[in-house]
Structures are given as C-alpha cells and as structure tokens.
Amino acid sequence: MEIKTKAETFIGFAIRTGKFKIGTNAVATLKKAYLVIVCNSASENTKKEAEKLARKFGCPLIESKNKSLEQITHRENAKVMAISDKQLSDAVLSNSEEDFTQRI
C-alpha cells in the first residue's frame, strides 16, 4: 500500500468534495482559486500558463517534487490543478514543504 503525505491526503479531500479543477482550460474557467499546483513533468509552456493562472487568481503556485500530479490525483495527463476551497488549500500549503516547491 502506498503511503501518502498529509498534503496528498488534503488534495484527495479536495477531489472527493469536488473543490478542484484539472487542466489549464478547466482551471481558467474558475471564478476563484486559492491554490494552483503544477506537475514537475509539465512543459515550460504549461508551467508559464500555470504562473499566469496563479497571478490571475492571486494565489500561490506550487510544483510537485517527487511524484507527478498524475500519481497524486490518479487522473491521466494531469499537469495543472487548482483547488477552489480556502481551508483545503491552506491545509495543503501548510503541509507541502517536503513534496512541493513554492514557485509564486
């Protein structure tokens, strides 16, 4: 059985409650996001697009270190994700130091 970190667990909670969007186009349709996450294997253009989205929402941007976003979310081709719940995004951020790098 795979051991999950606290940050991964909170991302799982966001997915179960429906407080997330995956994909740059889907994230762009949100009215408000509190955290944008980009995969470490994403292309430079995708990372730049994620930075633009984080600036648009005025929220932090973090990049995965050890695991891809696909492994964390169990969604195929997941490169960019946004969390639209304040408490869940704060919980991910406060527990993200070992698995994620803050970009913005």
PDB file of N, CA and C in Angstrom:
ATOM      1  N   MET A   1       0.834  -1.181   0.000  1.00  0.00           N
ATOM      2  CA  MET A   1       0.000   0.000   0.000  1.00  0.00           C
ATOM      3  C   MET A   1       0.880   1.246   0.000  1.00  0.00           C
ATOM      4  N   GLU A   2       0.493   2.201  -0.783  1.00  0.00           N
ATOM      5  CA  GLU A   2       1.256   3.431  -0.928  1.00  0.00           C
ATOM      6  C   GLU A   2       1.016   4.355   0.266  1.00  0.00           C
ATOM      7  N   ILE A   3       2.100   4.897   0.810  1.00  0.00           N
ATOM      8  CA  ILE A   3       1.986   5.825   1.927  1.00  0.00           C
ATOM      9  C   ILE A   3       1.842   7.233   1.374  1.00  0.00           C
ATOM     10  N   LYS A   4       0.794   7.930   1.815  1.00  0.00           N
ATOM     11  CA  LYS A   4       0.543   9.288   1.353  1.00  0.00           C
ATOM     12  C   LYS A   4       0.990  10.286   2.408  1.00  0.00           C
ATOM     13  N   THR A   5       1.453  11.436   1.941  1.00  0.00           N
ATOM     14  CA  THR A   5       1.783  12.514   2.856  1.00  0.00           C
ATOM     15  C   THR A   5       0.509  13.277   3.195  1.00  0.00           C
ATOM     16  N   LYS A   6       0.603  14.171   4.168  1.00  0.00           N
ATOM     17  CA  LYS A   6      -0.569  14.956   4.554  1.00  0.00           C
ATOM     18  C   LYS A   6      -1.061  15.817   3.401  1.00  0.00           C
ATOM     19  N   ALA A   7      -0.130  16.417   2.662  1.00  0.00           N
ATOM     20  CA  ALA A   7      -0.525  17.272   1.539  1.00  0.00           C
ATOM     21  C   ALA A   7      -1.298  16.461   0.499  1.00  0.00           C
ATOM     22  N   GLU A   8      -0.830  15.261   0.196  1.00  0.00           N
ATOM     23  CA  GLU A   8      -1.532  14.397  -0.763  1.00  0.00           C
ATOM     24  C   GLU A   8      -2.917  14.019  -0.249  1.00  0.00           C
ATOM     25  N   THR A   9      -3.033  13.797   1.052  1.00  0.00           N
ATOM     26  CA  THR A   9      -4.325  13.465   1.641  1.00  0.00           C
ATOM     27  C   THR A   9      -5.302  14.625   1.487  1.00  0.00           C
ATOM     28  N   PHE A  10      -4.834  15.844   1.733  1.00  0.00           N
ATOM     29  CA  PHE A  10      -5.710  17.013   1.591  1.00  0.00           C
ATOM     30  C   PHE A  10      -6.090  17.247   0.131  1.00  0.00           C
ATOM     31  N   ILE A  11      -5.189  16.952  -0.799  1.00  0.00           N
ATOM     32  CA  ILE A  11      -5.531  17.038  -2.221  1.00  0.00           C
ATOM     33  C   ILE A  11      -6.619  16.010  -2.539  1.00  0.00           C
ATOM     34  N   GLY A  12      -6.505  14.824  -1.956  1.00  0.00           N
ATOM     35  CA  GLY A  12      -7.538  13.802  -2.123  1.00  0.00           C
ATOM     36  C   GLY A  12      -8.887  14.253  -1.582  1.00  0.00           C
ATOM     37  N   PHE A  13      -8.879  14.960  -0.443  1.00  0.00           N
ATOM     38  CA  PHE A  13     -10.126  15.505   0.101  1.00  0.00           C
ATOM     39  C   PHE A  13     -10.740  16.511  -0.861  1.00  0.00           C
ATOM     40  N   ALA A  14      -9.899  17.357  -1.464  1.00  0.00           N
ATOM     41  CA  ALA A  14     -10.402  18.351  -2.429  1.00  0.00           C
ATOM     42  C   ALA A  14     -11.057  17.651  -3.618  1.00  0.00           C
ATOM     43  N   ILE A  15     -10.458  16.557  -4.061  1.00  0.00           N
ATOM     44  CA  ILE A  15     -11.018  15.809  -5.189  1.00  0.00           C
ATOM     45  C   ILE A  15     -12.353  15.176  -4.794  1.00  0.00           C
ATOM     46  N   ARG A  16     -12.398  14.558  -3.602  1.00  0.00           N
ATOM     47  CA  ARG A  16     -13.631  13.898  -3.163  1.00  0.00           C
ATOM     48  C   ARG A  16     -14.784  14.881  -2.962  1.00  0.00           C
ATOM     49  N   THR A  17     -14.462  16.107  -2.540  1.00  0.00           N
ATOM     50  CA  THR A  17     -15.519  17.095  -2.307  1.00  0.00           C
ATOM     51  C   THR A  17     -15.847  17.899  -3.555  1.00  0.00           C
ATOM     52  N   GLY A  18     -15.082  17.709  -4.631  1.00  0.00           N
ATOM     53  CA  GLY A  18     -15.362  18.416  -5.876  1.00  0.00           C
ATOM     54  C   GLY A  18     -14.860  19.842  -5.899  1.00  0.00           C
ATOM     55  N   LYS A  19     -13.945  20.196  -5.012  1.00  0.00           N
ATOM     56  CA  LYS A  19     -13.424  21.560  -4.926  1.00  0.00           C
ATOM     57  C   LYS A  19     -12.112  21.685  -5.695  1.00  0.00           C
ATOM     58  N   PHE A  20     -12.101  21.227  -6.947  1.00  0.00           N
ATOM     59  CA  PHE A  20     -10.884  21.233  -7.746  1.00  0.00           C
ATOM     60  C   PHE A  20     -11.229  21.294  -9.225  1.00  0.00           C
ATOM     61  N   LYS A  21     -10.236  21.649 -10.023  1.00  0.00           N
ATOM     62  CA  LYS A  21     -10.303  21.540 -11.484  1.00  0.00           C
ATOM     63  C   LYS A  21      -8.930  21.072 -11.939  1.00  0.00           C
ATOM     64  N   ILE A  22      -8.911  20.222 -12.965  1.00  0.00           N
ATOM     65  CA  ILE A  22      -7.652  19.734 -13.522  1.00  0.00           C
ATOM     66  C   ILE A  22      -7.588  20.135 -14.985  1.00  0.00           C
ATOM     67  N   GLY A  23      -6.449  20.682 -15.395  1.00  0.00           N
ATOM     68  CA  GLY A  23      -6.248  21.123 -16.771  1.00  0.00           C
ATOM     69  C   GLY A  23      -6.255  22.640 -16.856  1.00  0.00           C
ATOM     70  N   THR A  24      -5.413  23.192 -17.708  1.00  0.00           N
ATOM     71  CA  THR A  24      -5.301  24.650 -17.792  1.00  0.00           C
ATOM     72  C   THR A  24      -6.603  25.293 -18.237  1.00  0.00           C
ATOM     73  N   ASN A  25      -7.285  24.701 -19.200  1.00  0.00           N
ATOM     74  CA  ASN A  25      -8.544  25.282 -19.674  1.00  0.00           C
ATOM     75  C   ASN A  25      -9.627  25.215 -18.600  1.00  0.00           C
ATOM     76  N   ALA A  26      -9.704  24.112 -17.889  1.00  0.00           N
ATOM     77  CA  ALA A  26     -10.700  23.971 -16.823  1.00  0.00           C
ATOM     78  C   ALA A  26     -10.403  24.927 -15.673  1.00  0.00           C
ATOM     79  N   VAL A  27      -9.131  25.063 -15.328  1.00  0.00           N
ATOM     80  CA  VAL A  27      -8.750  25.976 -14.250  1.00  0.00           C
ATOM     81  C   VAL A  27      -9.082  27.415 -14.634  1.00  0.00           C
ATOM     82  N   ALA A  28      -8.882  27.769 -15.895  1.00  0.00           N
ATOM     83  CA  ALA A  28      -9.149  29.137 -16.357  1.00  0.00           C
ATOM     84  C   ALA A  28     -10.627  29.505 -16.243  1.00  0.00           C
ATOM     85  N   THR A  29     -11.519  28.516 -16.216  1.00  0.00           N
ATOM     86  CA  THR A  29     -12.953  28.800 -16.115  1.00  0.00           C
ATOM     87  C   THR A  29     -13.399  29.101 -14.687  1.00  0.00           C
ATOM     88  N   LEU A  30     -12.547  28.825 -13.706  1.00  0.00           N
ATOM     89  CA  LEU A  30     -12.917  29.085 -12.318  1.00  0.00           C
ATOM     90  C   LEU A  30     -13.030  30.583 -12.056  1.00  0.00           C
ATOM     91  N   LYS A  31     -13.924  30.942 -11.148  1.00  0.00           N
ATOM     92  CA  LYS A  31     -14.029  32.341 -10.739  1.00  0.00           C
ATOM     93  C   LYS A  31     -12.987  32.667  -9.681  1.00  0.00           C
ATOM     94  N   LYS A  32     -12.680  31.698  -8.810  1.00  0.00           N
ATOM     95  CA  LYS A  32     -11.696  31.903  -7.764  1.00  0.00           C
ATOM     96  C   LYS A  32     -11.004  30.585  -7.453  1.00  0.00           C
ATOM     97  N   ALA A  33      -9.686  30.649  -7.347  1.00  0.00           N
ATOM     98  CA  ALA A  33      -8.896  29.505  -6.900  1.00  0.00           C
ATOM     99  C   ALA A  33      -7.968  29.996  -5.801  1.00  0.00           C
ATOM    100  N   TYR A  34      -7.701  29.139  -4.843  1.00  0.00           N
ATOM    101  CA  TYR A  34      -6.850  29.514  -3.722  1.00  0.00           C
ATOM    102  C   TYR A  34      -5.471  28.880  -3.796  1.00  0.00           C
ATOM    103  N   LEU A  35      -5.296  27.923  -4.706  1.00  0.00           N
ATOM    104  CA  LEU A  35      -4.006  27.265  -4.879  1.00  0.00           C
ATOM    105  C   LEU A  35      -3.955  26.643  -6.261  1.00  0.00           C
ATOM    106  N   VAL A  36      -2.830  26.853  -6.957  1.00  0.00           N
ATOM    107  CA  VAL A  36      -2.597  26.207  -8.250  1.00  0.00           C
ATOM    108  C   VAL A  36      -1.397  25.291  -8.075  1.00  0.00           C
ATOM    109  N   ILE A  37      -1.524  24.062  -8.562  1.00  0.00           N
ATOM    110  CA  ILE A  37      -0.457  23.063  -8.472  1.00  0.00           C
ATOM    111  C   ILE A  37      -0.071  22.664  -9.884  1.00  0.00           C
ATOM    112  N   VAL A  38       1.236  22.626 -10.157  1.00  0.00           N
ATOM    113  CA  VAL A  38       1.725  22.218 -11.471  1.00  0.00           C
ATOM    114  C   VAL A  38       2.631  21.001 -11.289  1.00  0.00           C
ATOM    115  N   CYS A  39       2.601  20.108 -12.253  1.00  0.00           N
ATOM    116  CA  CYS A  39       3.393  18.877 -12.211  1.00  0.00           C
ATOM    117  C   CYS A  39       4.849  19.176 -12.551  1.00  0.00           C
ATOM    118  N   ASN A  40       5.757  18.442 -11.943  1.00  0.00           N
ATOM    119  CA  ASN A  40       7.177  18.637 -12.240  1.00  0.00           C
ATOM    120  C   ASN A  40       7.535  18.193 -13.653  1.00  0.00           C
ATOM    121  N   SER A  41       6.712  17.357 -14.270  1.00  0.00           N
ATOM    122  CA  SER A  41       6.997  16.884 -15.626  1.00  0.00           C
ATOM    123  C   SER A  41       6.290  17.708 -16.699  1.00  0.00           C
ATOM    124  N   ALA A  42       5.630  18.787 -16.301  1.00  0.00           N
ATOM    125  CA  ALA A  42       4.928  19.632 -17.274  1.00  0.00           C
ATOM    126  C   ALA A  42       5.940  20.395 -18.126  1.00  0.00           C
ATOM    127  N   SER A  43       5.538  20.740 -19.336  1.00  0.00           N
ATOM    128  CA  SER A  43       6.419  21.501 -20.226  1.00  0.00           C
ATOM    129  C   SER A  43       6.571  22.925 -19.704  1.00  0.00           C
ATOM    130  N   GLU A  44       7.577  23.632 -20.205  1.00  0.00           N
ATOM    131  CA  GLU A  44       7.815  25.012 -19.780  1.00  0.00           C
ATOM    132  C   GLU A  44       6.624  25.904 -20.112  1.00  0.00           C
ATOM    133  N   ASN A  45       6.002  25.686 -21.269  1.00  0.00           N
ATOM    134  CA  ASN A  45       4.828  26.482 -21.637  1.00  0.00           C
ATOM    135  C   ASN A  45       3.680  26.254 -20.654  1.00  0.00           C
ATOM    136  N   THR A  46       3.495  25.020 -20.234  1.00  0.00           N
ATOM    137  CA  THR A  46       2.440  24.712 -19.270  1.00  0.00           C
ATOM    138  C   THR A  46       2.744  25.363 -17.928  1.00  0.00           C
ATOM    139  N   LYS A  47       4.005  25.347 -17.527  1.00  0.00           N
ATOM    140  CA  LYS A  47       4.388  25.988 -16.266  1.00  0.00           C
ATOM    141  C   LYS A  47       4.168  27.498 -16.336  1.00  0.00           C
ATOM    142  N   LYS A  48       4.458  28.103 -17.489  1.00  0.00           N
ATOM    143  CA  LYS A  48       4.206  29.540 -17.662  1.00  0.00           C
ATOM    144  C   LYS A  48       2.716  29.832 -17.604  1.00  0.00           C
ATOM    145  N   GLU A  49       1.916  28.974 -18.214  1.00  0.00           N
ATOM    146  CA  GLU A  49       0.459  29.139 -18.178  1.00  0.00           C
ATOM    147  C   GLU A  49      -0.056  29.017 -16.746  1.00  0.00           C
ATOM    148  N   ALA A  50       0.505  28.088 -15.979  1.00  0.00           N
ATOM    149  CA  ALA A  50       0.108  27.931 -14.578  1.00  0.00           C
ATOM    150  C   ALA A  50       0.479  29.175 -13.775  1.00  0.00           C
ATOM    151  N   GLU A  51       1.633  29.773 -14.070  1.00  0.00           N
ATOM    152  CA  GLU A  51       2.025  31.015 -13.397  1.00  0.00           C
ATOM    153  C   GLU A  51       1.043  32.136 -13.715  1.00  0.00           C
ATOM    154  N   LYS A  52       0.618  32.229 -14.974  1.00  0.00           N
ATOM    155  CA  LYS A  52      -0.374  33.244 -15.364  1.00  0.00           C
ATOM    156  C   LYS A  52      -1.679  33.043 -14.596  1.00  0.00           C
ATOM    157  N   LEU A  53      -2.104  31.787 -14.482  1.00  0.00           N
ATOM    158  CA  LEU A  53      -3.346  31.492 -13.762  1.00  0.00           C
ATOM    159  C   LEU A  53      -3.223  31.848 -12.279  1.00  0.00           C
ATOM    160  N   ALA A  54      -2.076  31.537 -11.678  1.00  0.00           N
ATOM    161  CA  ALA A  54      -1.875  31.867 -10.262  1.00  0.00           C
ATOM    162  C   ALA A  54      -1.902  33.380 -10.059  1.00  0.00           C
ATOM    163  N   ARG A  55      -1.310  34.121 -10.978  1.00  0.00           N
ATOM    164  CA  ARG A  55      -1.350  35.586 -10.886  1.00  0.00           C
ATOM    165  C   ARG A  55      -2.774  36.102 -11.070  1.00  0.00           C
ATOM    166  N   LYS A  56      -3.511  35.498 -11.989  1.00  0.00           N
ATOM    167  CA  LYS A  56      -4.903  35.895 -12.235  1.00  0.00           C
ATOM    168  C   LYS A  56      -5.741  35.744 -10.968  1.00  0.00           C
ATOM    169  N   PHE A  57      -5.555  34.627 -10.265  1.00  0.00           N
ATOM    170  CA  PHE A  57      -6.324  34.362  -9.056  1.00  0.00           C
ATOM    171  C   PHE A  57      -5.701  34.989  -7.812  1.00  0.00           C
ATOM    172  N   GLY A  58      -4.451  35.442  -7.922  1.00  0.00           N
ATOM    173  CA  GLY A  58      -3.765  35.999  -6.762  1.00  0.00           C
ATOM    174  C   GLY A  58      -3.499  34.952  -5.698  1.00  0.00           C
ATOM    175  N   CYS A  59      -3.135  33.753  -6.138  1.00  0.00           N
ATOM    176  CA  CYS A  59      -2.930  32.642  -5.212  1.00  0.00           C
ATOM    177  C   CYS A  59      -1.532  32.053  -5.391  1.00  0.00           C
ATOM    178  N   PRO A  60      -1.082  31.246  -4.443  1.00  0.00           N
ATOM    179  CA  PRO A  60       0.225  30.597  -4.565  1.00  0.00           C
ATOM    180  C   PRO A  60       0.241  29.539  -5.666  1.00  0.00           C
ATOM    181  N   LEU A  61       1.430  29.305  -6.198  1.00  0.00           N
ATOM    182  CA  LEU A  61       1.663  28.239  -7.175  1.00  0.00           C
ATOM    183  C   LEU A  61       2.731  27.331  -6.604  1.00  0.00           C
ATOM    184  N   ILE A  62       2.429  26.035  -6.535  1.00  0.00           N
ATOM    185  CA  ILE A  62       3.420  25.073  -6.071  1.00  0.00           C
ATOM    186  C   ILE A  62       3.644  24.022  -7.150  1.00  0.00           C
ATOM    187  N   GLU A  63       4.859  23.461  -7.150  1.00  0.00           N
ATOM    188  CA  GLU A  63       5.236  22.434  -8.130  1.00  0.00           C
ATOM    189  C   GLU A  63       5.594  21.158  -7.389  1.00  0.00           C
ATOM    190  N   SER A  64       5.097  20.033  -7.884  1.00  0.00           N
ATOM    191  CA  SER A  64       5.389  18.749  -7.245  1.00  0.00           C
ATOM    192  C   SER A  64       6.871  18.426  -7.393  1.00  0.00           C
ATOM    193  N   LYS A  65       7.440  17.749  -6.391  1.00  0.00           N
ATOM    194  CA  LYS A  65       8.863  17.388  -6.418  1.00  0.00           C
ATOM    195  C   LYS A  65       9.069  15.930  -6.812  1.00  0.00           C
ATOM    196  N   ASN A  66       8.587  15.027  -5.974  1.00  0.00           N
ATOM    197  CA  ASN A  66       8.905  13.606  -6.112  1.00  0.00           C
ATOM    198  C   ASN A  66       7.911  12.836  -6.969  1.00  0.00           C
ATOM    199  N   LYS A  67       6.643  13.121  -6.817  1.00  0.00           N
ATOM    200  CA  LYS A  67       5.601  12.409  -7.556  1.00  0.00           C
ATOM    201  C   LYS A  67       5.004  13.335  -8.600  1.00  0.00           C
ATOM    202  N   SER A  68       4.520  12.732  -9.673  1.00  0.00           N
ATOM    203  CA  SER A  68       3.824  13.538 -10.674  1.00  0.00           C
ATOM    204  C   SER A  68       2.408  13.819 -10.172  1.00  0.00           C
ATOM    205  N   LEU A  69       1.798  14.837 -10.736  1.00  0.00           N
ATOM    206  CA  LEU A  69       0.423  15.178 -10.368  1.00  0.00           C
ATOM    207  C   LEU A  69      -0.531  14.046 -10.743  1.00  0.00           C
ATOM    208  N   GLU A  70      -0.183  13.286 -11.776  1.00  0.00           N
ATOM    209  CA  GLU A  70      -0.985  12.124 -12.172  1.00  0.00           C
ATOM    210  C   GLU A  70      -1.020  11.088 -11.054  1.00  0.00           C
ATOM    211  N   GLN A  71       0.126  10.849 -10.420  1.00  0.00           N
ATOM    212  CA  GLN A  71       0.189   9.872  -9.332  1.00  0.00           C
ATOM    213  C   GLN A  71      -0.569  10.360  -8.103  1.00  0.00           C
ATOM    214  N   ILE A  72      -0.510  11.650  -7.851  1.00  0.00           N
ATOM    215  CA  ILE A  72      -1.175  12.205  -6.672  1.00  0.00           C
ATOM    216  C   ILE A  72      -2.690  12.196  -6.842  1.00  0.00           C
ATOM    217  N   THR A  73      -3.167  12.585  -8.035  1.00  0.00           N
ATOM    218  CA  THR A  73      -4.611  12.718  -8.263  1.00  0.00           C
ATOM    219  C   THR A  73      -5.256  11.466  -8.838  1.00  0.00           C
ATOM    220  N   HIS A  74      -4.453  10.537  -9.332  1.00  0.00           N
ATOM    221  CA  HIS A  74      -4.945   9.332 -10.013  1.00  0.00           C
ATOM    222  C   HIS A  74      -5.774   9.691 -11.245  1.00  0.00           C
ATOM    223  N   ARG A  75      -5.391  10.779 -11.908  1.00  0.00           N
ATOM    224  CA  ARG A  75      -6.033  11.224 -13.145  1.00  0.00           C
ATOM    225  C   ARG A  75      -4.974  11.241 -14.242  1.00  0.00           C
ATOM    226  N   GLU A  76      -5.309  10.687 -15.395  1.00  0.00           N
ATOM    227  CA  GLU A  76      -4.372  10.612 -16.505  1.00  0.00           C
ATOM    228  C   GLU A  76      -4.106  12.000 -17.085  1.00  0.00           C
ATOM    229  N   ASN A  77      -2.863  12.272 -17.443  1.00  0.00           N
ATOM    230  CA  ASN A  77      -2.427  13.523 -18.067  1.00  0.00           C
ATOM    231  C   ASN A  77      -2.734  14.759 -17.236  1.00  0.00           C
ATOM    232  N   ALA A  78      -2.709  14.646 -15.929  1.00  0.00           N
ATOM    233  CA  ALA A  78      -2.927  15.805 -15.058  1.00  0.00           C
ATOM    234  C   ALA A  78      -1.617  16.574 -14.931  1.00  0.00           C
ATOM    235  N   LYS A  79      -1.595  17.794 -15.415  1.00  0.00           N
ATOM    236  CA  LYS A  79      -0.390  18.626 -15.341  1.00  0.00           C
ATOM    237  C   LYS A  79      -0.606  19.886 -14.519  1.00  0.00           C
ATOM    238  N   VAL A  80      -1.836  20.410 -14.510  1.00  0.00           N
ATOM    239  CA  VAL A  80      -2.171  21.609 -13.738  1.00  0.00           C
ATOM    240  C   VAL A  80      -3.460  21.336 -12.977  1.00  0.00           C
ATOM    241  N   MET A  81      -3.474  21.771 -11.721  1.00  0.00           N
ATOM    242  CA  MET A  81      -4.653  21.576 -10.881  1.00  0.00           C
ATOM    243  C   MET A  81      -4.870  22.820 -10.043  1.00  0.00           C
ATOM    244  N   ALA A  82      -6.121  23.151  -9.788  1.00  0.00           N
ATOM    245  CA  ALA A  82      -6.452  24.259  -8.895  1.00  0.00           C
ATOM    246  C   ALA A  82      -7.411  23.762  -7.827  1.00  0.00           C
ATOM    247  N   ILE A  83      -7.228  24.270  -6.617  1.00  0.00           N
ATOM    248  CA  ILE A  83      -8.130  23.962  -5.513  1.00  0.00           C
ATOM    249  C   ILE A  83      -8.938  25.219  -5.222  1.00  0.00           C
ATOM    250  N   SER A  84     -10.258  25.062  -5.171  1.00  0.00           N
ATOM    251  CA  SER A  84     -11.144  26.212  -5.021  1.00  0.00           C
ATOM    252  C   SER A  84     -11.748  26.326  -3.619  1.00  0.00           C
ATOM    253  N   ASP A  85     -11.146  25.682  -2.643  1.00  0.00           N
ATOM    254  CA  ASP A  85     -11.599  25.768  -1.258  1.00  0.00           C
ATOM    255  C   ASP A  85     -10.471  26.344  -0.408  1.00  0.00           C
ATOM    256  N   LYS A  86     -10.759  27.397   0.338  1.00  0.00           N
ATOM    257  CA  LYS A  86      -9.734  28.106   1.114  1.00  0.00           C
ATOM    258  C   LYS A  86      -9.102  27.216   2.183  1.00  0.00           C
ATOM    259  N   GLN A  87      -9.917  26.511   2.960  1.00  0.00           N
ATOM    260  CA  GLN A  87      -9.375  25.694   4.048  1.00  0.00           C
ATOM    261  C   GLN A  87      -8.517  24.544   3.521  1.00  0.00           C
ATOM    262  N   LEU A  88      -8.962  23.892   2.463  1.00  0.00           N
ATOM    263  CA  LEU A  88      -8.179  22.790   1.895  1.00  0.00           C
ATOM    264  C   LEU A  88      -6.873  23.295   1.294  1.00  0.00           C
ATOM    265  N   SER A  89      -6.916  24.439   0.627  1.00  0.00           N
ATOM    266  CA  SER A  89      -5.683  24.973   0.041  1.00  0.00           C
ATOM    267  C   SER A  89      -4.703  25.388   1.135  1.00  0.00           C
ATOM    268  N   ASP A  90      -5.201  25.965   2.223  1.00  0.00           N
ATOM    269  CA  ASP A  90      -4.329  26.313   3.350  1.00  0.00           C
ATOM    270  C   ASP A  90      -3.713  25.060   3.968  1.00  0.00           C
ATOM    271  N   ALA A  91      -4.501  23.994   4.073  1.00  0.00           N
ATOM    272  CA  ALA A  91      -4.000  22.739   4.639  1.00  0.00           C
ATOM    273  C   ALA A  91      -2.922  22.130   3.745  1.00  0.00           C
ATOM    274  N   VAL A  92      -3.124  22.173   2.430  1.00  0.00           N
ATOM    275  CA  VAL A  92      -2.111  21.652   1.502  1.00  0.00           C
ATOM    276  C   VAL A  92      -0.840  22.480   1.620  1.00  0.00           C
ATOM    277  N   LEU A  93      -0.974  23.802   1.632  1.00  0.00           N
ATOM    278  CA  LEU A  93       0.196  24.678   1.717  1.00  0.00           C
ATOM    279  C   LEU A  93       0.976  24.477   3.010  1.00  0.00           C
ATOM    280  N   SER A  94       0.284  24.341   4.123  1.00  0.00           N
ATOM    281  CA  SER A  94       0.979  24.203   5.404  1.00  0.00           C
ATOM    282  C   SER A  94       1.681  22.854   5.547  1.00  0.00           C
ATOM    283  N   ASN A  95       1.305  21.876   4.737  1.00  0.00           N
ATOM    284  CA  ASN A  95       1.927  20.548   4.803  1.00  0.00           C
ATOM    285  C   ASN A  95       2.703  20.198   3.538  1.00  0.00           C
ATOM    286  N   SER A  96       3.071  21.199   2.748  1.00  0.00           N
ATOM    287  CA  SER A  96       3.635  20.924   1.428  1.00  0.00           C
ATOM    288  C   SER A  96       5.150  20.985   1.344  1.00  0.00           C
ATOM    289  N   GLU A  97       5.840  21.302   2.428  1.00  0.00           N
ATOM    290  CA  GLU A  97       7.273  21.553   2.327  1.00  0.00           C
ATOM    291  C   GLU A  97       8.098  20.373   1.833  1.00  0.00           C
ATOM    292  N   GLU A  98       7.694  19.146   2.115  1.00  0.00           N
ATOM    293  CA  GLU A  98       8.509  18.003   1.697  1.00  0.00           C
ATOM    294  C   GLU A  98       8.190  17.498   0.291  1.00  0.00           C
ATOM    295  N   ASP A  99       6.994  17.777  -0.213  1.00  0.00           N
ATOM    296  CA  ASP A  99       6.583  17.235  -1.509  1.00  0.00           C
ATOM    297  C   ASP A  99       6.478  18.260  -2.625  1.00  0.00           C
ATOM    298  N   PHE A 100       6.448  19.535  -2.274  1.00  0.00           N
ATOM    299  CA  PHE A 100       6.207  20.569  -3.272  1.00  0.00           C
ATOM    300  C   PHE A 100       7.190  21.718  -3.108  1.00  0.00           C
ATOM    301  N   THR A 101       7.458  22.402  -4.221  1.00  0.00           N
ATOM    302  CA  THR A 101       8.292  23.591  -4.230  1.00  0.00           C
ATOM    303  C   THR A 101       7.400  24.779  -4.540  1.00  0.00           C
ATOM    304  N   GLN A 102       7.501  25.823  -3.728  1.00  0.00           N
ATOM    305  CA  GLN A 102       6.687  27.009  -3.982  1.00  0.00           C
ATOM    306  C   GLN A 102       7.328  27.819  -5.101  1.00  0.00           C
ATOM    307  N   ARG A 103       6.544  28.133  -6.130  1.00  0.00           N
ATOM    308  CA  ARG A 103       7.041  28.903  -7.272  1.00  0.00           C
ATOM    309  C   ARG A 103       6.634  30.362  -7.186  1.00  0.00           C
ATOM    310  N   ILE A 104       5.436  30.618  -6.721  1.00  0.00           N
ATOM    311  CA  ILE A 104       4.970  32.011  -6.572  1.00  0.00           C
ATOM    312  C   ILE A 104       4.427  32.171  -5.165  1.00  0.00           C
TER     313      ILE A 104
END
